[in-house]
Amino acid sequence: MSLTTSSTVVAATLSVVIIGRNEGARLERCLESIARMDREGLQVDVIYVDSDSKDNSVELARRHGARVVALHPIRPTAALGRNAGWHESQAEFVLFLDGDTILDPQFVQKALPEFAQPRIACVWGHRRERKPLRSIYSRVLDLDWIYAPGIVPFCGGDAIFRRSVLITARGYDETLIAGEEPELCQRLQILGHRILHIDTPMTEHDLAIDRFAQYWKRAERAGHAYAEVSTRLAGTKFPLWSEESRRNRLHALVLIAVPVIAISGSVLLRSAWPLLTLALLPMVFLRSAWKARWKKADPITLMLYGVHSHLQQIPIAVGQWRYRVGRRKGRTMKLVEYKRS
């Protein structure tokens, strides 16, 4: 391996590992974007890991020249797919992609030189929604992908890793149905490695959320990840999401309690005055929108994002509650899917 500190990569090997399940046309766009990537100085192989798709995903991947690893797990997880992919690879670096993403053609060339810093284990860039105006949900969730660049606690699903650190850490935890990337990143930091987020486009994503039920289920899955990962990492050198989990439960309780108390008070007192406390909610939404103004200039999107920032706390708390109840009863959670094929 030879990496320069500029934007040029020399004699590096890269395995692109795509995971998917019933992605259909989204997978084809992903494979086409990999074919268009800048490969100067790179030896690239593409591995597609399929988790028991019922569509033509496997045939699509083979048609585009990818090696296919077909899994038929009883309990499919993203971690299981990613592990199967990097175990199949032999390259120095592994780029993980979800099958519903489109790779920026210059991302790899901009990211790999950062590995000249020996402590960098993972590099990732900006993931954004491909069609942010497709629905109100895509519009606000697009802003959730925006993080400030620099050394960060964790990455998302799209990222480049040194294969050597994946071997050392034994990859992703396959028992997690969500939150597997942050959990891996915490273990890597315990080993002395660092996660770097760079200020450059990486992937476009297709959430394909156009119904409230999908939005709710996705937030529930996030709550499950909060609860499970924070429980597992509690008491370690790099605990994760413990405080966020506690704040989420309190936040959701307040959001539910305020309207219940206001309406109950109004009925009991036979007065509209208690309903004035409901005016606090729009003020809280506006405050969150103002704090997020660095992410986007559009005031309507920011206002919607302010509402989303609070509304999502309720299904996240439900996800936490379901995880904890299931854990006490010894139940194993299945994969939470919110997309339609």
Protein backbone atom coordinates (compact mmCIF):
# COMPACT_ATOMS: atom_id res chain seq x y z
CA MET A 1 0.00 0.00 0.00
CA SER A 2 1.19 3.52 -0.79
CA LEU A 3 -0.91 6.55 0.10
CA THR A 4 -0.04 10.18 -0.48
CA THR A 5 -1.29 13.14 1.56
CA SER A 6 -2.84 14.73 -1.52
CA SER A 7 -5.94 13.61 -3.39
CA THR A 8 -3.99 10.97 -5.33
CA VAL A 9 -4.04 7.33 -4.29
CA VAL A 10 -1.26 5.02 -5.46
CA ALA A 11 -1.43 1.21 -5.58
CA ALA A 12 -4.20 0.72 -3.04
CA THR A 13 -6.65 -2.18 -3.07
CA LEU A 14 -10.30 -1.68 -2.25
CA SER A 15 -13.24 -4.03 -1.77
CA VAL A 16 -16.65 -2.46 -2.11
CA VAL A 17 -19.13 -4.41 0.03
CA ILE A 18 -22.78 -3.72 -0.70
CA ILE A 19 -25.50 -5.16 1.51
CA GLY A 20 -29.09 -5.40 0.38
CA ARG A 21 -32.48 -6.97 0.81
CA ASN A 22 -35.20 -6.42 -1.80
CA GLU A 23 -33.65 -3.16 -3.03
CA GLY A 24 -34.60 -3.65 -6.71
CA ALA A 25 -33.91 -0.54 -8.82
CA ARG A 26 -32.12 1.11 -5.89
CA LEU A 27 -29.46 -1.63 -6.01
CA GLU A 28 -28.97 -1.18 -9.73
CA ARG A 29 -28.33 2.55 -9.24
CA CYS A 30 -25.81 1.69 -6.52
CA LEU A 31 -23.92 -0.76 -8.76
CA GLU A 32 -23.89 1.72 -11.64
CA SER A 33 -22.43 4.42 -9.38
CA ILE A 34 -19.59 2.09 -8.36
CA ALA A 35 -18.81 1.50 -12.03
CA ARG A 36 -18.49 5.28 -12.48
CA MET A 37 -16.15 5.87 -9.52
CA ASP A 38 -12.66 7.28 -10.09
CA ARG A 39 -10.39 4.22 -9.94
CA GLU A 40 -7.04 5.85 -10.68
CA GLY A 41 -4.33 3.90 -8.83
CA LEU A 42 -6.90 1.51 -7.39
CA GLN A 43 -7.57 -2.18 -7.69
CA VAL A 44 -11.27 -2.59 -6.97
CA ASP A 45 -13.49 -5.60 -6.48
CA VAL A 46 -17.21 -5.50 -5.75
CA ILE A 47 -19.00 -7.87 -3.39
CA TYR A 48 -22.77 -7.91 -3.01
CA VAL A 49 -24.21 -9.60 0.08
CA ASP A 50 -27.88 -10.45 -0.27
CA SER A 51 -30.06 -11.17 2.75
CA ASP A 52 -32.68 -13.50 1.34
CA SER A 53 -34.21 -11.07 -1.16
CA LYS A 54 -37.41 -12.07 -2.88
CA ASP A 55 -36.79 -9.83 -5.90
CA ASN A 56 -34.13 -10.01 -8.63
CA SER A 57 -31.32 -8.42 -6.57
CA VAL A 58 -28.94 -11.39 -6.89
CA GLU A 59 -29.30 -11.54 -10.69
CA LEU A 60 -28.85 -7.76 -10.92
CA ALA A 61 -25.59 -7.87 -8.97
CA ARG A 62 -24.16 -10.72 -11.04
CA ARG A 63 -25.11 -8.93 -14.25
CA HIS A 64 -23.04 -5.95 -13.06
CA GLY A 65 -20.00 -8.13 -12.37
CA ALA A 66 -20.22 -8.26 -8.58
CA ARG A 67 -19.33 -11.34 -6.60
CA VAL A 68 -22.45 -12.45 -4.77
CA VAL A 69 -22.71 -13.82 -1.26
CA ALA A 70 -26.27 -15.05 -0.73
CA LEU A 71 -27.37 -15.35 2.87
CA HIS A 72 -30.55 -17.01 4.12
CA PRO A 73 -30.45 -16.13 7.80
CA ILE A 74 -33.25 -16.85 10.23
CA ARG A 75 -32.68 -13.37 11.66
CA PRO A 76 -31.12 -11.08 9.03
CA THR A 77 -29.13 -8.07 10.24
CA ALA A 78 -26.99 -5.48 8.48
CA ALA A 79 -24.06 -6.55 10.67
CA LEU A 80 -24.36 -10.14 9.44
CA GLY A 81 -24.25 -8.95 5.82
CA ARG A 82 -21.30 -6.62 6.33
CA ASN A 83 -19.29 -9.29 8.12
CA ALA A 84 -19.95 -11.80 5.35
CA GLY A 85 -18.78 -9.20 2.82
CA TRP A 86 -15.50 -8.19 4.39
CA HIS A 87 -14.64 -11.78 5.23
CA GLU A 88 -14.97 -12.50 1.50
CA SER A 89 -12.61 -9.62 0.64
CA GLN A 90 -8.82 -9.55 0.55
CA ALA A 91 -8.21 -5.83 -0.05
CA GLU A 92 -6.44 -3.41 2.29
CA PHE A 93 -9.52 -1.22 2.54
CA VAL A 94 -13.22 -2.04 2.65
CA LEU A 95 -15.88 0.42 1.56
CA PHE A 96 -19.28 -0.52 2.98
CA LEU A 97 -22.37 0.68 1.15
CA ASP A 98 -26.06 0.07 1.68
CA GLY A 99 -27.85 -1.12 -1.41
CA ASP A 100 -30.06 1.99 -1.47
CA THR A 101 -27.17 4.43 -1.90
CA ILE A 102 -25.36 6.05 -4.83
CA LEU A 103 -21.60 6.51 -4.43
CA ASP A 104 -20.02 9.87 -5.26
CA PRO A 105 -17.37 9.17 -7.95
CA GLN A 106 -14.63 11.13 -6.12
CA PHE A 107 -15.27 10.05 -2.55
CA VAL A 108 -12.80 7.16 -2.40
CA GLN A 109 -9.98 9.22 -3.93
CA LYS A 110 -10.58 11.95 -1.33
CA ALA A 111 -10.97 9.56 1.59
CA LEU A 112 -8.09 7.09 1.21
CA PRO A 113 -5.23 9.61 1.70
CA GLU A 114 -6.57 10.24 5.22
CA PHE A 115 -5.41 6.74 6.14
CA ALA A 116 -1.83 8.02 5.95
CA GLN A 117 -2.55 8.89 9.59
CA PRO A 118 -1.91 5.54 11.29
CA ARG A 119 -4.58 5.92 13.99
CA ILE A 120 -7.41 6.49 11.50
CA ALA A 121 -9.47 3.30 11.28
CA CYS A 122 -12.47 4.62 9.40
CA VAL A 123 -13.24 7.53 7.07
CA TRP A 124 -16.68 8.64 5.97
CA GLY A 125 -18.21 11.66 4.27
CA HIS A 126 -21.62 13.22 3.74
CA ARG A 127 -24.65 11.06 3.07
CA ARG A 128 -27.64 12.99 1.76
CA GLU A 129 -31.07 12.12 0.44
CA ARG A 130 -31.31 11.61 -3.31
CA LYS A 131 -34.81 13.08 -3.45
CA PRO A 132 -35.25 15.26 -0.35
CA LEU A 133 -38.53 16.69 -1.66
CA ARG A 134 -40.04 13.26 -2.38
CA SER A 135 -41.99 13.48 0.86
CA ILE A 136 -42.16 15.52 4.05
CA TYR A 137 -40.28 12.69 5.76
CA SER A 138 -37.37 12.66 3.31
CA ARG A 139 -37.22 16.45 3.57
CA VAL A 140 -36.60 16.47 7.31
CA LEU A 141 -34.61 13.24 7.61
CA ASP A 142 -32.17 14.56 5.01
CA LEU A 143 -30.97 17.02 7.67
CA ASP A 144 -30.42 14.17 10.13
CA TRP A 145 -27.56 12.96 7.90
CA ILE A 146 -25.60 16.21 8.36
CA TYR A 147 -22.73 16.06 10.85
CA ALA A 148 -19.83 18.44 11.43
CA PRO A 149 -16.51 17.13 10.04
CA GLY A 150 -13.61 16.00 12.21
CA ILE A 151 -12.85 13.20 14.63
CA VAL A 152 -16.22 11.77 15.67
CA PRO A 153 -17.51 9.00 17.97
CA PHE A 154 -18.96 6.84 15.21
CA CYS A 155 -19.82 6.50 11.53
CA GLY A 156 -22.93 5.43 9.65
CA GLY A 157 -23.49 2.48 7.34
CA ASP A 158 -21.47 3.96 4.46
CA ALA A 159 -17.77 4.20 5.34
CA ILE A 160 -14.27 2.99 4.47
CA PHE A 161 -12.42 0.85 7.01
CA ARG A 162 -8.95 -0.60 7.15
CA ARG A 163 -9.46 -4.34 6.78
CA SER A 164 -6.78 -4.91 9.43
CA VAL A 165 -8.84 -3.14 12.11
CA LEU A 166 -11.92 -5.14 11.17
CA ILE A 167 -9.86 -8.29 11.76
CA THR A 168 -8.59 -7.00 15.10
CA ALA A 169 -12.07 -5.99 16.29
CA ARG A 170 -13.70 -9.11 14.79
CA GLY A 171 -16.05 -6.99 12.77
CA TYR A 172 -19.60 -6.03 13.56
CA ASP A 173 -21.75 -7.49 16.31
CA GLU A 174 -24.19 -9.69 14.39
CA THR A 175 -26.66 -9.85 17.27
CA LEU A 176 -27.54 -6.15 16.91
CA ILE A 177 -30.51 -5.34 14.68
CA ALA A 178 -29.52 -1.64 14.61
CA GLY A 179 -26.69 0.57 15.87
CA GLU A 180 -23.99 -1.88 14.80
CA GLU A 181 -21.73 0.82 13.31
CA PRO A 182 -21.54 3.00 16.46
CA GLU A 183 -20.98 -0.10 18.59
CA LEU A 184 -18.06 -1.20 16.39
CA CYS A 185 -16.60 2.31 16.40
CA GLN A 186 -16.65 2.40 20.20
CA ARG A 187 -14.70 -0.86 20.36
CA LEU A 188 -12.20 0.52 17.84
CA GLN A 189 -11.68 3.62 19.96
CA ILE A 190 -11.02 1.46 23.00
CA LEU A 191 -8.22 -0.10 20.91
CA GLY A 192 -6.79 3.37 20.22
CA HIS A 193 -8.19 3.99 16.76
CA ARG A 194 -10.03 7.07 15.50
CA ILE A 195 -13.07 7.69 13.29
CA LEU A 196 -12.80 10.58 10.82
CA HIS A 197 -15.70 12.39 9.16
CA ILE A 198 -14.53 14.42 6.17
CA ASP A 199 -16.27 17.39 4.56
CA THR A 200 -16.94 15.87 1.15
CA PRO A 201 -19.90 14.18 -0.57
CA MET A 202 -19.95 10.41 -0.07
CA THR A 203 -23.33 8.93 -0.99
CA GLU A 204 -26.85 9.79 -1.97
CA HIS A 205 -29.47 7.76 -0.17
CA ASP A 206 -33.04 6.73 -0.88
CA LEU A 207 -35.04 6.46 2.34
CA ALA A 208 -38.21 5.67 0.37
CA ILE A 209 -40.38 6.88 3.26
CA ASP A 210 -43.69 8.38 2.23
CA ARG A 211 -46.00 7.20 5.02
CA PHE A 212 -46.17 8.08 8.70
CA ALA A 213 -46.14 4.40 9.66
CA GLN A 214 -42.71 4.02 8.00
CA TYR A 215 -41.42 7.13 9.75
CA TRP A 216 -42.65 5.79 13.11
CA LYS A 217 -41.11 2.34 12.59
CA ARG A 218 -37.74 3.81 11.61
CA ALA A 219 -37.70 5.92 14.78
CA GLU A 220 -38.68 2.88 16.83
CA ARG A 221 -35.69 1.04 15.40
CA ALA A 222 -33.47 3.94 16.48
CA GLY A 223 -34.87 3.63 19.99
CA HIS A 224 -34.06 -0.07 20.05
CA ALA A 225 -30.48 0.77 19.02
CA TYR A 226 -30.20 3.45 21.72
CA ALA A 227 -31.33 1.04 24.41
CA GLU A 228 -29.35 -2.02 23.33
CA VAL A 229 -26.06 -0.28 22.51
CA SER A 230 -26.13 1.91 25.64
CA THR A 231 -26.80 -1.17 27.77
CA ARG A 232 -23.93 -3.11 26.25
CA LEU A 233 -21.41 -0.28 26.47
CA ALA A 234 -22.36 0.98 29.93
CA GLY A 235 -19.31 1.09 32.18
CA THR A 236 -16.77 0.83 29.34
CA LYS A 237 -14.08 3.37 28.51
CA PHE A 238 -16.23 4.71 25.67
CA PRO A 239 -19.87 4.45 26.75
CA LEU A 240 -22.35 5.43 24.08
CA TRP A 241 -25.92 6.78 24.15
CA SER A 242 -26.48 6.30 27.89
CA GLU A 243 -27.26 9.98 28.42
CA GLU A 244 -29.14 10.22 25.12
CA SER A 245 -31.32 7.26 26.10
CA ARG A 246 -32.17 8.82 29.44
CA ARG A 247 -32.93 12.21 27.86
CA ASN A 248 -35.11 10.59 25.22
CA ARG A 249 -37.31 8.88 27.81
CA LEU A 250 -37.74 12.13 29.74
CA HIS A 251 -38.34 14.10 26.55
CA ALA A 252 -41.06 11.72 25.36
CA LEU A 253 -42.73 11.77 28.78
CA VAL A 254 -42.90 15.58 28.75
CA LEU A 255 -44.25 15.68 25.17
CA ILE A 256 -47.07 13.31 26.14
CA ALA A 257 -47.71 14.84 29.56
CA VAL A 258 -48.03 18.49 28.47
CA PRO A 259 -51.12 18.07 26.22
CA VAL A 260 -52.70 15.49 28.57
CA ILE A 261 -52.35 17.83 31.56
CA ALA A 262 -53.51 20.85 29.54
CA ILE A 263 -56.64 19.14 28.22
CA SER A 264 -57.44 17.46 31.54
CA GLY A 265 -57.01 20.75 33.39
CA SER A 266 -59.26 22.52 30.93
CA VAL A 267 -62.00 19.91 31.38
CA LEU A 268 -61.72 19.78 35.17
CA LEU A 269 -61.60 23.54 35.62
CA ARG A 270 -64.09 24.22 32.82
CA SER A 271 -61.73 26.83 31.51
CA ALA A 272 -59.67 27.36 28.36
CA TRP A 273 -56.77 28.84 30.30
CA PRO A 274 -54.90 25.54 30.88
CA LEU A 275 -54.84 25.06 27.09
CA LEU A 276 -52.48 28.02 26.82
CA THR A 277 -49.69 25.73 28.00
CA LEU A 278 -49.92 24.05 24.59
CA ALA A 279 -48.40 27.24 23.13
CA LEU A 280 -45.11 26.10 24.67
CA LEU A 281 -44.78 23.35 22.07
CA PRO A 282 -44.52 25.61 18.97
CA MET A 283 -41.98 27.71 20.85
CA VAL A 284 -39.88 24.62 21.53
CA PHE A 285 -40.14 23.59 17.87
CA LEU A 286 -39.00 27.05 16.76
CA ARG A 287 -36.04 26.93 19.12
CA SER A 288 -34.89 23.60 17.64
CA ALA A 289 -35.33 24.93 14.11
CA TRP A 290 -33.19 27.96 14.96
CA LYS A 291 -30.42 25.81 16.44
CA ALA A 292 -30.35 23.70 13.24
CA ARG A 293 -30.04 26.69 10.89
CA TRP A 294 -26.39 25.79 10.14
CA LYS A 295 -27.68 22.70 8.31
CA LYS A 296 -29.96 24.49 5.82
CA ALA A 297 -31.18 27.97 4.96
CA ASP A 298 -34.75 27.05 3.96
CA PRO A 299 -37.06 28.24 6.81
CA ILE A 300 -39.91 25.82 5.96
CA THR A 301 -37.59 22.80 6.03
CA LEU A 302 -36.07 24.05 9.27
CA MET A 303 -39.48 24.44 10.88
CA LEU A 304 -40.47 20.93 9.82
CA TYR A 305 -37.16 19.70 11.17
CA GLY A 306 -37.87 21.41 14.47
CA VAL A 307 -41.16 19.51 14.76
CA HIS A 308 -39.47 16.25 13.74
CA SER A 309 -36.70 16.70 16.32
CA HIS A 310 -39.31 16.45 19.07
CA LEU A 311 -42.00 14.26 17.51
CA GLN A 312 -39.53 11.44 16.85
CA GLN A 313 -38.75 11.22 20.57
CA ILE A 314 -42.04 9.38 21.19
CA PRO A 315 -41.47 6.41 18.82
CA ILE A 316 -37.80 6.32 19.88
CA ALA A 317 -38.96 5.94 23.49
CA VAL A 318 -41.40 3.22 22.40
CA GLY A 319 -38.49 1.41 20.73
CA GLN A 320 -36.49 1.64 23.94
CA TRP A 321 -39.42 0.34 25.97
CA ARG A 322 -39.95 -2.60 23.61
CA TYR A 323 -36.29 -3.55 23.79
CA ARG A 324 -36.23 -3.47 27.60
CA VAL A 325 -39.48 -5.43 27.93
CA GLY A 326 -38.26 -7.99 25.43
CA ARG A 327 -34.92 -8.29 27.21
CA ARG A 328 -36.61 -8.95 30.55
CA LYS A 329 -38.76 -11.63 28.93
CA GLY A 330 -35.80 -13.16 27.12
CA ARG A 331 -37.19 -12.38 23.66
CA THR A 332 -34.93 -11.82 20.65
CA MET A 333 -35.98 -8.90 18.45
CA LYS A 334 -36.29 -9.47 14.71
CA LEU A 335 -35.12 -7.08 12.04
CA VAL A 336 -37.21 -3.89 11.94
CA GLU A 337 -37.95 -3.07 8.30
CA TYR A 338 -39.65 0.18 7.32
CA LYS A 339 -39.19 0.21 3.54
CA ARG A 340 -41.43 -1.13 0.88
CA SER A 341 -39.74 -3.15 -1.88
